Amino acid sequence: MHPTFASFPKARMRRMRQNAQLRAMVRENIFTPDDLIWPVFVMKGSDNETPVPSMPGVVRRTVDRIAKAAIEAQALGIPAICLFPYTSQEDRTEDCAEAWSPNNLTNQAIRAIKSAAPDIAVMTDIALDPYNINGHDGFVENGEIVNDRTVEALVKMALCQAEAGADILGPSDMMDGRIGAIRSALESEHYQNVTILSYAAKYASGFYGPFRDAVGASAALTGDKKTYQMDPGNSDEALRLVARDIREGADMVMVKPGMPYLDICRRVKDQFGVPTFAYQVSGEYAMIMAASQNGWLDHDAVMMESLLAFKRAGCDGVLSYFAPAAAKLLQG
């Protein structure tokens, strides 16, 4: 015990836990709806939604249903929605040209949300995997995921999303140099106020499986993503990547996945003090949902405990599929 602290029985640590009022007074971290970003999946069609089997309670929505979801999120006090498009195999190409089409699903959804719920921020995903016939985040040439040609495409994608009205761009591709290239393009095209939330430390994780089902990438992916996503055994490398992305113009940074990498969240926040986010990914969500549906865990208790863990680890917010359920619970 620290020498300035009293010893037992003068110090009884349980005194401050004896009732709800005292516990609330000394609680070090709290979680509120302001800490949430809600990831949603957009698909073709109208007035329809389909469940994602590996993510109980999560659905793909058509653009009009996405706009209704944004209205719901706004009413719940959730400050931001993040869009991910579902594309079938027949809609994917080698050149990924749909990624920067002004009328692709993401850009349609941006405009729909801005019209229906103007007070909610719209975040997007910047990577080629939803449009790539190979399922990779970058172009594939002779079996290699090439960097510089991919960055050029990501810049076009970013400018198209900015023009559609996106507030926050989320480059999730892990290509070298993409943050600097995107920031320079935004500045030159007069989108100075568009924010970049960089997936700065994104690991080659086994926790992404249900997400790939949700966006239609499971069948498309050939090989793995280990040549561009981070090795799960590395920690110091994450700090170098975060430092690089901040230098290149990222306003905020993200660690992905979330709970298995809380140590990285803490190191990033302590080292840089920048707005730091984590993504509670599909596999984390699916595990909690499966256990709670089997009666092995208390859904609400574990959901909120898992979200609070991100705040305790230094995060300013979290992307979570639990966002609506958590916000409703927090509102009482």
C-alpha atoms as a PDB file:
ATOM      1  CA  MET A   1       0.000   0.000   0.000  1.00  0.00           C
ATOM      2  CA  HIS A   2       1.170   3.551  -0.739  1.00  0.00           C
ATOM      3  CA  PRO A   3       2.890   5.000   2.359  1.00  0.00           C
ATOM      4  CA  THR A   4       0.506   7.966   2.517  1.00  0.00           C
ATOM      5  CA  PHE A   5      -2.541   5.693   2.743  1.00  0.00           C
ATOM      6  CA  ALA A   6      -3.985   4.619   6.065  1.00  0.00           C
ATOM      7  CA  SER A   7      -3.887   0.931   6.918  1.00  0.00           C
ATOM      8  CA  PHE A   8      -6.688  -1.316   8.132  1.00  0.00           C
ATOM      9  CA  PRO A   9      -8.854  -0.712  10.128  1.00  0.00           C
ATOM     10  CA  LYS A  10      -8.557   3.049   9.619  1.00  0.00           C
ATOM     11  CA  ALA A  11      -8.835   2.361   5.900  1.00  0.00           C
ATOM     12  CA  ARG A  12     -11.736   0.141   4.986  1.00  0.00           C
ATOM     13  CA  MET A  13     -11.960   0.167   1.184  1.00  0.00           C
ATOM     14  CA  ARG A  14     -15.473  -1.260   1.288  1.00  0.00           C
ATOM     15  CA  ARG A  15     -16.816   1.927   2.874  1.00  0.00           C
ATOM     16  CA  MET A  16     -17.000   3.571  -0.543  1.00  0.00           C
ATOM     17  CA  ARG A  17     -18.875   0.605  -2.036  1.00  0.00           C
ATOM     18  CA  GLN A  18     -21.610   0.250   0.562  1.00  0.00           C
ATOM     19  CA  ASN A  19     -24.426   1.953  -1.364  1.00  0.00           C
ATOM     20  CA  ALA A  20     -25.288   3.168  -4.861  1.00  0.00           C
ATOM     21  CA  GLN A  21     -24.838   6.832  -3.944  1.00  0.00           C
ATOM     22  CA  LEU A  22     -21.262   6.435  -2.747  1.00  0.00           C
ATOM     23  CA  ARG A  23     -20.369   4.151  -5.627  1.00  0.00           C
ATOM     24  CA  ALA A  24     -21.631   6.780  -8.087  1.00  0.00           C
ATOM     25  CA  MET A  25     -19.674   9.568  -6.356  1.00  0.00           C
ATOM     26  CA  VAL A  26     -16.317   7.825  -6.754  1.00  0.00           C
ATOM     27  CA  ARG A  27     -16.853   6.065 -10.079  1.00  0.00           C
ATOM     28  CA  GLU A  28     -13.846   6.776 -12.251  1.00  0.00           C
ATOM     29  CA  ASN A  29     -15.392   6.104 -15.666  1.00  0.00           C
ATOM     30  CA  ILE A  30     -18.901   6.328 -17.054  1.00  0.00           C
ATOM     31  CA  PHE A  31     -20.403   5.391 -20.402  1.00  0.00           C
ATOM     32  CA  THR A  32     -23.024   7.556 -22.135  1.00  0.00           C
ATOM     33  CA  PRO A  33     -24.722   7.535 -25.554  1.00  0.00           C
ATOM     34  CA  ASP A  34     -22.237  10.246 -26.604  1.00  0.00           C
ATOM     35  CA  ASP A  35     -19.559   7.542 -26.590  1.00  0.00           C
ATOM     36  CA  LEU A  36     -21.245   5.469 -29.316  1.00  0.00           C
ATOM     37  CA  ILE A  37     -20.877   5.111 -33.066  1.00  0.00           C
ATOM     38  CA  TRP A  38     -23.397   2.705 -34.589  1.00  0.00           C
ATOM     39  CA  PRO A  39     -22.149   0.576 -37.525  1.00  0.00           C
ATOM     40  CA  VAL A  40     -24.959  -0.272 -39.972  1.00  0.00           C
ATOM     41  CA  PHE A  41     -25.122  -2.302 -43.186  1.00  0.00           C
ATOM     42  CA  VAL A  42     -26.768  -0.934 -46.314  1.00  0.00           C
ATOM     43  CA  MET A  43     -28.064  -3.066 -49.205  1.00  0.00           C
ATOM     44  CA  LYS A  44     -29.906  -2.636 -52.496  1.00  0.00           C
ATOM     45  CA  GLY A  45     -33.686  -2.408 -52.729  1.00  0.00           C
ATOM     46  CA  SER A  46     -36.392  -0.453 -50.997  1.00  0.00           C
ATOM     47  CA  ASP A  47     -38.294  -0.729 -47.729  1.00  0.00           C
ATOM     48  CA  ASN A  48     -36.594  -3.959 -46.748  1.00  0.00           C
ATOM     49  CA  GLU A  49     -34.137  -5.473 -44.320  1.00  0.00           C
ATOM     50  CA  THR A  50     -32.581  -8.910 -43.951  1.00  0.00           C
ATOM     51  CA  PRO A  51     -30.994 -10.442 -40.855  1.00  0.00           C
ATOM     52  CA  VAL A  52     -27.310 -11.292 -40.637  1.00  0.00           C
ATOM     53  CA  PRO A  53     -27.414 -14.899 -39.331  1.00  0.00           C
ATOM     54  CA  SER A  54     -24.026 -14.758 -37.589  1.00  0.00           C
ATOM     55  CA  MET A  55     -24.912 -11.485 -35.831  1.00  0.00           C
ATOM     56  CA  PRO A  56     -28.227 -11.975 -33.973  1.00  0.00           C
ATOM     57  CA  GLY A  57     -30.248  -8.771 -33.921  1.00  0.00           C
ATOM     58  CA  VAL A  58     -28.220  -7.107 -36.706  1.00  0.00           C
ATOM     59  CA  VAL A  59     -29.776  -6.545 -40.138  1.00  0.00           C
ATOM     60  CA  ARG A  60     -28.869  -5.213 -43.553  1.00  0.00           C
ATOM     61  CA  ARG A  61     -31.113  -2.278 -44.476  1.00  0.00           C
ATOM     62  CA  THR A  62     -32.099  -0.622 -47.714  1.00  0.00           C
ATOM     63  CA  VAL A  63     -31.269   3.069 -48.031  1.00  0.00           C
ATOM     64  CA  ASP A  64     -34.730   4.210 -46.931  1.00  0.00           C
ATOM     65  CA  ARG A  65     -34.555   1.959 -43.866  1.00  0.00           C
ATOM     66  CA  ILE A  66     -31.064   3.326 -43.132  1.00  0.00           C
ATOM     67  CA  ALA A  67     -32.578   6.817 -43.019  1.00  0.00           C
ATOM     68  CA  LYS A  68     -35.177   5.586 -40.513  1.00  0.00           C
ATOM     69  CA  ALA A  69     -32.402   4.012 -38.435  1.00  0.00           C
ATOM     70  CA  ALA A  70     -30.611   7.373 -38.394  1.00  0.00           C
ATOM     71  CA  ILE A  71     -33.749   9.055 -37.059  1.00  0.00           C
ATOM     72  CA  GLU A  72     -33.885   6.395 -34.322  1.00  0.00           C
ATOM     73  CA  ALA A  73     -30.208   6.914 -33.496  1.00  0.00           C
ATOM     74  CA  GLN A  74     -30.646  10.665 -33.322  1.00  0.00           C
ATOM     75  CA  ALA A  75     -33.561  10.270 -30.911  1.00  0.00           C
ATOM     76  CA  LEU A  76     -31.462   7.976 -28.726  1.00  0.00           C
ATOM     77  CA  GLY A  77     -28.633  10.507 -28.507  1.00  0.00           C
ATOM     78  CA  ILE A  78     -26.181   8.456 -30.588  1.00  0.00           C
ATOM     79  CA  PRO A  79     -23.942  11.038 -32.264  1.00  0.00           C
ATOM     80  CA  ALA A  80     -22.755   9.074 -35.307  1.00  0.00           C
ATOM     81  CA  ILE A  81     -23.609   6.239 -37.699  1.00  0.00           C
ATOM     82  CA  CYS A  82     -20.992   4.353 -39.707  1.00  0.00           C
ATOM     83  CA  LEU A  83     -21.998   2.913 -43.102  1.00  0.00           C
ATOM     84  CA  PHE A  84     -20.896  -0.399 -44.608  1.00  0.00           C
ATOM     85  CA  PRO A  85     -22.293  -1.540 -47.968  1.00  0.00           C
ATOM     86  CA  TYR A  86     -23.370  -5.108 -48.704  1.00  0.00           C
ATOM     87  CA  THR A  87     -22.391  -6.164 -52.214  1.00  0.00           C
ATOM     88  CA  SER A  88     -23.019  -9.545 -53.788  1.00  0.00           C
ATOM     89  CA  GLN A  89     -20.323 -11.362 -55.746  1.00  0.00           C
ATOM     90  CA  GLU A  90     -21.819 -10.340 -59.097  1.00  0.00           C
ATOM     91  CA  ASP A  91     -21.475  -6.650 -58.151  1.00  0.00           C
ATOM     92  CA  ARG A  92     -17.740  -6.941 -57.484  1.00  0.00           C
ATOM     93  CA  THR A  93     -15.100  -6.222 -60.118  1.00  0.00           C
ATOM     94  CA  GLU A  94     -11.347  -6.261 -60.611  1.00  0.00           C
ATOM     95  CA  ASP A  95     -11.208  -2.488 -61.062  1.00  0.00           C
ATOM     96  CA  CYS A  96     -13.457  -1.752 -58.020  1.00  0.00           C
ATOM     97  CA  ALA A  97     -14.901   1.239 -59.891  1.00  0.00           C
ATOM     98  CA  GLU A  98     -18.155   1.163 -57.903  1.00  0.00           C
ATOM     99  CA  ALA A  99     -16.122   2.305 -54.867  1.00  0.00           C
ATOM    100  CA  TRP A 100     -16.023   5.880 -56.195  1.00  0.00           C
ATOM    101  CA  SER A 101     -19.327   5.947 -58.037  1.00  0.00           C
ATOM    102  CA  PRO A 102     -21.305   9.013 -56.882  1.00  0.00           C
ATOM    103  CA  ASN A 103     -24.445   6.889 -56.699  1.00  0.00           C
ATOM    104  CA  ASN A 104     -23.122   3.789 -54.946  1.00  0.00           C
ATOM    105  CA  LEU A 105     -24.935   2.488 -51.882  1.00  0.00           C
ATOM    106  CA  THR A 106     -22.782   4.345 -49.381  1.00  0.00           C
ATOM    107  CA  ASN A 107     -23.178   7.704 -51.103  1.00  0.00           C
ATOM    108  CA  GLN A 108     -26.941   7.205 -51.478  1.00  0.00           C
ATOM    109  CA  ALA A 109     -27.147   6.433 -47.767  1.00  0.00           C
ATOM    110  CA  ILE A 110     -25.071   9.491 -46.804  1.00  0.00           C
ATOM    111  CA  ARG A 111     -27.476  11.772 -48.638  1.00  0.00           C
ATOM    112  CA  ALA A 112     -30.533   9.995 -47.229  1.00  0.00           C
ATOM    113  CA  ILE A 113     -29.286  10.313 -43.652  1.00  0.00           C
ATOM    114  CA  LYS A 114     -28.369  13.961 -44.095  1.00  0.00           C
ATOM    115  CA  SER A 115     -31.882  14.630 -45.327  1.00  0.00           C
ATOM    116  CA  ALA A 116     -33.691  12.604 -42.641  1.00  0.00           C
ATOM    117  CA  ALA A 117     -31.516  13.219 -39.571  1.00  0.00           C
ATOM    118  CA  PRO A 118     -29.263  16.224 -40.193  1.00  0.00           C
ATOM    119  CA  ASP A 119     -28.001  16.378 -36.622  1.00  0.00           C
ATOM    120  CA  ILE A 120     -26.295  12.975 -36.723  1.00  0.00           C
ATOM    121  CA  ALA A 121     -22.745  12.598 -38.025  1.00  0.00           C
ATOM    122  CA  VAL A 122     -22.181  10.172 -40.878  1.00  0.00           C
ATOM    123  CA  MET A 123     -19.034   8.090 -40.901  1.00  0.00           C
ATOM    124  CA  THR A 124     -17.984   5.979 -43.871  1.00  0.00           C
ATOM    125  CA  ASP A 125     -15.625   3.132 -44.611  1.00  0.00           C
ATOM    126  CA  ILE A 126     -12.758   3.644 -47.046  1.00  0.00           C
ATOM    127  CA  ALA A 127     -11.419   0.357 -48.410  1.00  0.00           C
ATOM    128  CA  LEU A 128     -11.896  -1.570 -51.624  1.00  0.00           C
ATOM    129  CA  ASP A 129     -13.022  -4.888 -50.114  1.00  0.00           C
ATOM    130  CA  PRO A 130     -16.794  -4.329 -50.578  1.00  0.00           C
ATOM    131  CA  TYR A 131     -16.216  -3.785 -54.311  1.00  0.00           C
ATOM    132  CA  ASN A 132     -13.261  -6.093 -54.999  1.00  0.00           C
ATOM    133  CA  ILE A 133     -13.923  -9.449 -56.656  1.00  0.00           C
ATOM    134  CA  ASN A 134     -10.951 -10.749 -54.649  1.00  0.00           C
ATOM    135  CA  GLY A 135     -12.372  -9.516 -51.334  1.00  0.00           C
ATOM    136  CA  HIS A 136      -9.224  -7.583 -50.438  1.00  0.00           C
ATOM    137  CA  ASP A 137      -8.892  -4.009 -49.224  1.00  0.00           C
ATOM    138  CA  GLY A 138      -6.590  -3.222 -52.140  1.00  0.00           C
ATOM    139  CA  PHE A 139      -5.993  -4.153 -55.754  1.00  0.00           C
ATOM    140  CA  VAL A 140      -4.530  -7.605 -56.332  1.00  0.00           C
ATOM    141  CA  GLU A 141      -1.798  -7.939 -58.966  1.00  0.00           C
ATOM    142  CA  ASN A 142      -0.084 -11.290 -59.499  1.00  0.00           C
ATOM    143  CA  GLY A 143      -1.213 -12.415 -56.071  1.00  0.00           C
ATOM    144  CA  GLU A 144       0.122  -9.274 -54.330  1.00  0.00           C
ATOM    145  CA  ILE A 145      -2.042  -6.606 -52.698  1.00  0.00           C
ATOM    146  CA  VAL A 146      -0.429  -3.514 -54.195  1.00  0.00           C
ATOM    147  CA  ASN A 147      -0.096  -0.353 -52.143  1.00  0.00           C
ATOM    148  CA  ASP A 148       0.368   2.793 -54.231  1.00  0.00           C
ATOM    149  CA  ARG A 149      -2.220   2.058 -56.914  1.00  0.00           C
ATOM    150  CA  THR A 150      -4.687   1.241 -54.134  1.00  0.00           C
ATOM    151  CA  VAL A 151      -4.009   4.565 -52.397  1.00  0.00           C
ATOM    152  CA  GLU A 152      -4.877   6.425 -55.601  1.00  0.00           C
ATOM    153  CA  ALA A 153      -8.243   4.626 -55.668  1.00  0.00           C
ATOM    154  CA  LEU A 154      -8.862   5.322 -51.976  1.00  0.00           C
ATOM    155  CA  VAL A 155      -8.367   9.042 -52.600  1.00  0.00           C
ATOM    156  CA  LYS A 156     -11.061   8.971 -55.299  1.00  0.00           C
ATOM    157  CA  MET A 157     -13.341   7.079 -52.923  1.00  0.00           C
ATOM    158  CA  ALA A 158     -12.731   9.592 -50.125  1.00  0.00           C
ATOM    159  CA  LEU A 159     -13.458  12.622 -52.315  1.00  0.00           C
ATOM    160  CA  CYS A 160     -16.659  11.030 -53.571  1.00  0.00           C
ATOM    161  CA  GLN A 161     -17.858  10.415 -50.024  1.00  0.00           C
ATOM    162  CA  ALA A 162     -16.907  13.932 -48.960  1.00  0.00           C
ATOM    163  CA  GLU A 163     -18.891  15.348 -51.864  1.00  0.00           C
ATOM    164  CA  ALA A 164     -21.912  13.247 -50.828  1.00  0.00           C
ATOM    165  CA  GLY A 165     -21.786  14.881 -47.392  1.00  0.00           C
ATOM    166  CA  ALA A 166     -19.833  12.494 -45.150  1.00  0.00           C
ATOM    167  CA  ASP A 167     -18.644  14.022 -41.883  1.00  0.00           C
ATOM    168  CA  ILE A 168     -16.084  11.391 -40.892  1.00  0.00           C
ATOM    169  CA  LEU A 169     -13.988   9.264 -43.238  1.00  0.00           C
ATOM    170  CA  GLY A 170     -12.752   5.939 -41.887  1.00  0.00           C
ATOM    171  CA  PRO A 171      -9.840   4.549 -43.920  1.00  0.00           C
ATOM    172  CA  SER A 172      -9.811   0.884 -42.862  1.00  0.00           C
ATOM    173  CA  ASP A 173      -7.510  -0.495 -45.544  1.00  0.00           C
ATOM    174  CA  MET A 174      -4.133  -0.301 -43.766  1.00  0.00           C
ATOM    175  CA  MET A 175      -2.247   0.761 -46.905  1.00  0.00           C
ATOM    176  CA  ASP A 176       0.898   2.820 -46.298  1.00  0.00           C
ATOM    177  CA  GLY A 177       0.558   6.537 -46.963  1.00  0.00           C
ATOM    178  CA  ARG A 178      -3.198   6.637 -47.454  1.00  0.00           C
ATOM    179  CA  ILE A 179      -3.925   9.130 -44.657  1.00  0.00           C
ATOM    180  CA  GLY A 180      -1.528  11.722 -46.049  1.00  0.00           C
ATOM    181  CA  ALA A 181      -2.836  11.262 -49.587  1.00  0.00           C
ATOM    182  CA  ILE A 182      -6.466  11.562 -48.506  1.00  0.00           C
ATOM    183  CA  ARG A 183      -5.814  14.600 -46.303  1.00  0.00           C
ATOM    184  CA  SER A 184      -3.942  16.389 -49.101  1.00  0.00           C
ATOM    185  CA  ALA A 185      -6.770  15.689 -51.546  1.00  0.00           C
ATOM    186  CA  LEU A 186      -9.406  16.923 -49.108  1.00  0.00           C
ATOM    187  CA  GLU A 187      -7.480  20.140 -48.571  1.00  0.00           C
ATOM    188  CA  SER A 188      -6.943  20.770 -52.276  1.00  0.00           C
ATOM    189  CA  GLU A 189     -10.608  20.112 -53.083  1.00  0.00           C
ATOM    190  CA  HIS A 190     -11.860  22.419 -50.285  1.00  0.00           C
ATOM    191  CA  TYR A 191     -13.117  19.716 -47.935  1.00  0.00           C
ATOM    192  CA  GLN A 192     -10.985  21.024 -45.073  1.00  0.00           C
ATOM    193  CA  ASN A 193     -13.633  20.303 -42.447  1.00  0.00           C
ATOM    194  CA  VAL A 194     -14.067  16.619 -43.250  1.00  0.00           C
ATOM    195  CA  THR A 195     -12.704  14.568 -40.365  1.00  0.00           C
ATOM    196  CA  ILE A 196     -10.515  11.472 -40.670  1.00  0.00           C
ATOM    197  CA  LEU A 197     -10.892   8.680 -38.107  1.00  0.00           C
ATOM    198  CA  SER A 198      -8.046   6.405 -39.096  1.00  0.00           C
ATOM    199  CA  TYR A 199      -8.090   2.669 -38.521  1.00  0.00           C
ATOM    200  CA  ALA A 200      -4.507   3.158 -37.402  1.00  0.00           C
ATOM    201  CA  ALA A 201      -3.965  -0.143 -35.560  1.00  0.00           C
ATOM    202  CA  LYS A 202      -6.088  -2.736 -37.332  1.00  0.00           C
ATOM    203  CA  TYR A 203      -5.063  -6.304 -36.629  1.00  0.00           C
ATOM    204  CA  ALA A 204      -5.315  -9.384 -38.858  1.00  0.00           C
ATOM    205  CA  SER A 205      -7.872 -10.858 -36.507  1.00  0.00           C
ATOM    206  CA  GLY A 206     -10.067 -13.930 -36.416  1.00  0.00           C
ATOM    207  CA  PHE A 207     -12.827 -11.810 -34.848  1.00  0.00           C
ATOM    208  CA  TYR A 208     -13.993 -10.345 -38.188  1.00  0.00           C
ATOM    209  CA  GLY A 209     -15.806 -13.408 -39.553  1.00  0.00           C
ATOM    210  CA  PRO A 210     -19.438 -12.326 -38.970  1.00  0.00           C
ATOM    211  CA  PHE A 211     -18.717  -8.873 -40.446  1.00  0.00           C
ATOM    212  CA  ARG A 212     -17.497 -10.459 -43.666  1.00  0.00           C
ATOM    213  CA  ASP A 213     -20.780 -12.353 -43.819  1.00  0.00           C
ATOM    214  CA  ALA A 214     -22.652  -9.080 -43.309  1.00  0.00           C
ATOM    215  CA  VAL A 215     -20.937  -7.287 -46.219  1.00  0.00           C
ATOM    216  CA  GLY A 216     -20.802 -10.297 -48.515  1.00  0.00           C
ATOM    217  CA  ALA A 217     -17.021 -10.634 -48.398  1.00  0.00           C
ATOM    218  CA  SER A 218     -16.693 -14.162 -46.996  1.00  0.00           C
ATOM    219  CA  ALA A 219     -17.124 -15.914 -50.331  1.00  0.00           C
ATOM    220  CA  ALA A 220     -15.109 -13.271 -52.198  1.00  0.00           C
ATOM    221  CA  LEU A 221     -11.938 -13.311 -50.110  1.00  0.00           C
ATOM    222  CA  THR A 222      -8.991 -15.187 -51.587  1.00  0.00           C
ATOM    223  CA  GLY A 223      -6.110 -15.771 -49.187  1.00  0.00           C
ATOM    224  CA  ASP A 224      -5.773 -13.635 -46.066  1.00  0.00           C
ATOM    225  CA  LYS A 225      -4.996 -10.037 -45.113  1.00  0.00           C
ATOM    226  CA  LYS A 226      -1.794 -10.587 -43.157  1.00  0.00           C
ATOM    227  CA  THR A 227       0.429  -8.610 -45.539  1.00  0.00           C
ATOM    228  CA  TYR A 228      -1.335  -5.354 -44.677  1.00  0.00           C
ATOM    229  CA  GLN A 229      -3.225  -5.816 -41.400  1.00  0.00           C
ATOM    230  CA  MET A 230      -1.185  -6.013 -38.193  1.00  0.00           C
ATOM    231  CA  ASP A 231       0.254  -9.115 -36.570  1.00  0.00           C
ATOM    232  CA  PRO A 232      -1.693  -9.802 -33.321  1.00  0.00           C
ATOM    233  CA  GLY A 233       1.609 -10.352 -31.513  1.00  0.00           C
ATOM    234  CA  ASN A 234       2.758  -6.757 -32.020  1.00  0.00           C
ATOM    235  CA  SER A 235       2.239  -3.808 -29.696  1.00  0.00           C
ATOM    236  CA  ASP A 236       5.058  -1.314 -30.320  1.00  0.00           C
ATOM    237  CA  GLU A 237       4.239  -1.362 -34.038  1.00  0.00           C
ATOM    238  CA  ALA A 238       0.768  -0.036 -33.243  1.00  0.00           C
ATOM    239  CA  LEU A 239       2.317   3.083 -31.707  1.00  0.00           C
ATOM    240  CA  ARG A 240       4.457   3.664 -34.785  1.00  0.00           C
ATOM    241  CA  LEU A 241       1.395   3.360 -37.028  1.00  0.00           C
ATOM    242  CA  VAL A 242      -0.647   5.734 -34.882  1.00  0.00           C
ATOM    243  CA  ALA A 243       2.189   8.270 -34.844  1.00  0.00           C
ATOM    244  CA  ARG A 244       2.460   8.069 -38.630  1.00  0.00           C
ATOM    245  CA  ASP A 245      -1.275   8.570 -39.195  1.00  0.00           C
ATOM    246  CA  ILE A 246      -1.387  11.567 -36.838  1.00  0.00           C
ATOM    247  CA  ARG A 247       1.547  13.151 -38.683  1.00  0.00           C
ATOM    248  CA  GLU A 248      -0.219  12.575 -41.998  1.00  0.00           C
ATOM    249  CA  GLY A 249      -3.406  14.321 -40.891  1.00  0.00           C
ATOM    250  CA  ALA A 250      -5.667  11.924 -38.995  1.00  0.00           C
ATOM    251  CA  ASP A 251      -7.893  13.757 -36.513  1.00  0.00           C
ATOM    252  CA  MET A 252      -8.799  10.625 -34.558  1.00  0.00           C
ATOM    253  CA  VAL A 253      -7.418   7.092 -34.415  1.00  0.00           C
ATOM    254  CA  MET A 254      -8.905   3.653 -33.913  1.00  0.00           C
ATOM    255  CA  VAL A 255      -7.823   0.303 -32.546  1.00  0.00           C
ATOM    256  CA  LYS A 256      -9.526  -2.741 -34.069  1.00  0.00           C
ATOM    257  CA  PRO A 257     -10.626  -5.229 -32.711  1.00  0.00           C
ATOM    258  CA  GLY A 258     -11.610  -3.894 -29.329  1.00  0.00           C
ATOM    259  CA  MET A 259     -11.643  -5.997 -26.173  1.00  0.00           C
ATOM    260  CA  PRO A 260      -8.769  -8.348 -27.124  1.00  0.00           C
ATOM    261  CA  TYR A 261      -6.646  -5.210 -27.687  1.00  0.00           C
ATOM    262  CA  LEU A 262      -7.494  -3.011 -24.699  1.00  0.00           C
ATOM    263  CA  ASP A 263      -3.784  -2.867 -23.881  1.00  0.00           C
ATOM    264  CA  ILE A 264      -3.218  -1.174 -27.243  1.00  0.00           C
ATOM    265  CA  CYS A 265      -6.005   1.326 -26.546  1.00  0.00           C
ATOM    266  CA  ARG A 266      -4.372   2.280 -23.272  1.00  0.00           C
ATOM    267  CA  ARG A 267      -0.900   2.615 -24.797  1.00  0.00           C
ATOM    268  CA  VAL A 268      -2.201   4.774 -27.644  1.00  0.00           C
ATOM    269  CA  LYS A 269      -4.104   7.107 -25.337  1.00  0.00           C
ATOM    270  CA  ASP A 270      -1.240   7.428 -22.868  1.00  0.00           C
ATOM    271  CA  GLN A 271       1.350   8.011 -25.596  1.00  0.00           C
ATOM    272  CA  PHE A 272      -0.498  10.476 -27.829  1.00  0.00           C
ATOM    273  CA  GLY A 273      -3.510  11.889 -25.965  1.00  0.00           C
ATOM    274  CA  VAL A 274      -5.499  12.151 -29.196  1.00  0.00           C
ATOM    275  CA  PRO A 275      -9.157  11.157 -29.613  1.00  0.00           C
ATOM    276  CA  THR A 276      -8.937   7.363 -29.483  1.00  0.00           C
ATOM    277  CA  PHE A 277     -11.645   4.926 -30.500  1.00  0.00           C
ATOM    278  CA  ALA A 278     -12.036   1.168 -30.579  1.00  0.00           C
ATOM    279  CA  TYR A 279     -14.223  -1.055 -32.705  1.00  0.00           C
ATOM    280  CA  GLN A 280     -16.140  -3.711 -30.778  1.00  0.00           C
ATOM    281  CA  VAL A 281     -16.127  -5.972 -33.807  1.00  0.00           C
ATOM    282  CA  SER A 282     -18.617  -8.507 -35.090  1.00  0.00           C
ATOM    283  CA  GLY A 283     -16.976 -11.488 -33.418  1.00  0.00           C
ATOM    284  CA  GLU A 284     -17.035  -9.791 -30.031  1.00  0.00           C
ATOM    285  CA  TYR A 285     -20.698  -8.925 -30.515  1.00  0.00           C
ATOM    286  CA  ALA A 286     -21.595 -12.413 -31.740  1.00  0.00           C
ATOM    287  CA  MET A 287     -19.956 -14.111 -28.770  1.00  0.00           C
ATOM    288  CA  ILE A 288     -21.839 -11.992 -26.242  1.00  0.00           C
ATOM    289  CA  MET A 289     -25.121 -12.460 -28.099  1.00  0.00           C
ATOM    290  CA  ALA A 290     -24.681 -16.232 -28.404  1.00  0.00           C
ATOM    291  CA  ALA A 291     -23.838 -16.611 -24.725  1.00  0.00           C
ATOM    292  CA  SER A 292     -26.734 -14.415 -23.621  1.00  0.00           C
ATOM    293  CA  GLN A 293     -29.217 -16.189 -25.904  1.00  0.00           C
ATOM    294  CA  ASN A 294     -28.140 -19.478 -24.343  1.00  0.00           C
ATOM    295  CA  GLY A 295     -28.720 -18.084 -20.868  1.00  0.00           C
ATOM    296  CA  TRP A 296     -25.031 -18.256 -19.980  1.00  0.00           C
ATOM    297  CA  LEU A 297     -24.602 -14.482 -19.523  1.00  0.00           C
ATOM    298  CA  ASP A 298     -26.817 -11.563 -18.550  1.00  0.00           C
ATOM    299  CA  HIS A 299     -27.123  -9.655 -21.834  1.00  0.00           C
ATOM    300  CA  ASP A 300     -27.572  -6.131 -20.483  1.00  0.00           C
ATOM    301  CA  ALA A 301     -24.981  -6.475 -17.726  1.00  0.00           C
ATOM    302  CA  VAL A 302     -22.283  -7.890 -20.011  1.00  0.00           C
ATOM    303  CA  MET A 303     -23.089  -5.465 -22.831  1.00  0.00           C
ATOM    304  CA  MET A 304     -22.624  -2.452 -20.568  1.00  0.00           C
ATOM    305  CA  GLU A 305     -19.584  -3.907 -18.789  1.00  0.00           C
ATOM    306  CA  SER A 306     -17.900  -4.547 -22.125  1.00  0.00           C
ATOM    307  CA  LEU A 307     -18.569  -0.984 -23.287  1.00  0.00           C
ATOM    308  CA  LEU A 308     -17.343   0.523 -20.024  1.00  0.00           C
ATOM    309  CA  ALA A 309     -14.097  -1.424 -20.426  1.00  0.00           C
ATOM    310  CA  PHE A 310     -13.251   0.722 -23.451  1.00  0.00           C
ATOM    311  CA  LYS A 311     -13.618   3.922 -21.457  1.00  0.00           C
ATOM    312  CA  ARG A 312     -11.503   2.504 -18.646  1.00  0.00           C
ATOM    313  CA  ALA A 313      -8.820   1.629 -21.204  1.00  0.00           C
ATOM    314  CA  GLY A 314      -8.679   5.268 -22.341  1.00  0.00           C
ATOM    315  CA  CYS A 315     -11.043   5.299 -25.311  1.00  0.00           C
ATOM    316  CA  ASP A 316     -13.120   8.353 -26.101  1.00  0.00           C
ATOM    317  CA  GLY A 317     -15.735   6.243 -27.839  1.00  0.00           C
ATOM    318  CA  VAL A 318     -16.516   2.907 -29.430  1.00  0.00           C
ATOM    319  CA  LEU A 319     -18.075   1.573 -32.591  1.00  0.00           C
ATOM    320  CA  SER A 320     -20.523  -1.070 -31.448  1.00  0.00           C
ATOM    321  CA  TYR A 321     -23.457  -3.021 -32.851  1.00  0.00           C
ATOM    322  CA  PHE A 322     -24.912  -2.730 -29.361  1.00  0.00           C
ATOM    323  CA  ALA A 323     -25.323   1.035 -29.834  1.00  0.00           C
ATOM    324  CA  PRO A 324     -29.154   1.226 -29.978  1.00  0.00           C
ATOM    325  CA  ALA A 325     -29.677  -1.297 -27.176  1.00  0.00           C
ATOM    326  CA  ALA A 326     -27.067   0.384 -24.996  1.00  0.00           C
ATOM    327  CA  ALA A 327     -28.467   3.865 -25.632  1.00  0.00           C
ATOM    328  CA  LYS A 328     -31.992   2.710 -24.761  1.00  0.00           C
ATOM    329  CA  LEU A 329     -30.735   1.165 -21.535  1.00  0.00           C
ATOM    330  CA  LEU A 330     -28.789   4.302 -20.644  1.00  0.00           C
ATOM    331  CA  GLN A 331     -31.871   6.424 -21.234  1.00  0.00           C
ATOM    332  CA  GLY A 332     -33.746   4.261 -18.756  1.00  0.00           C
END
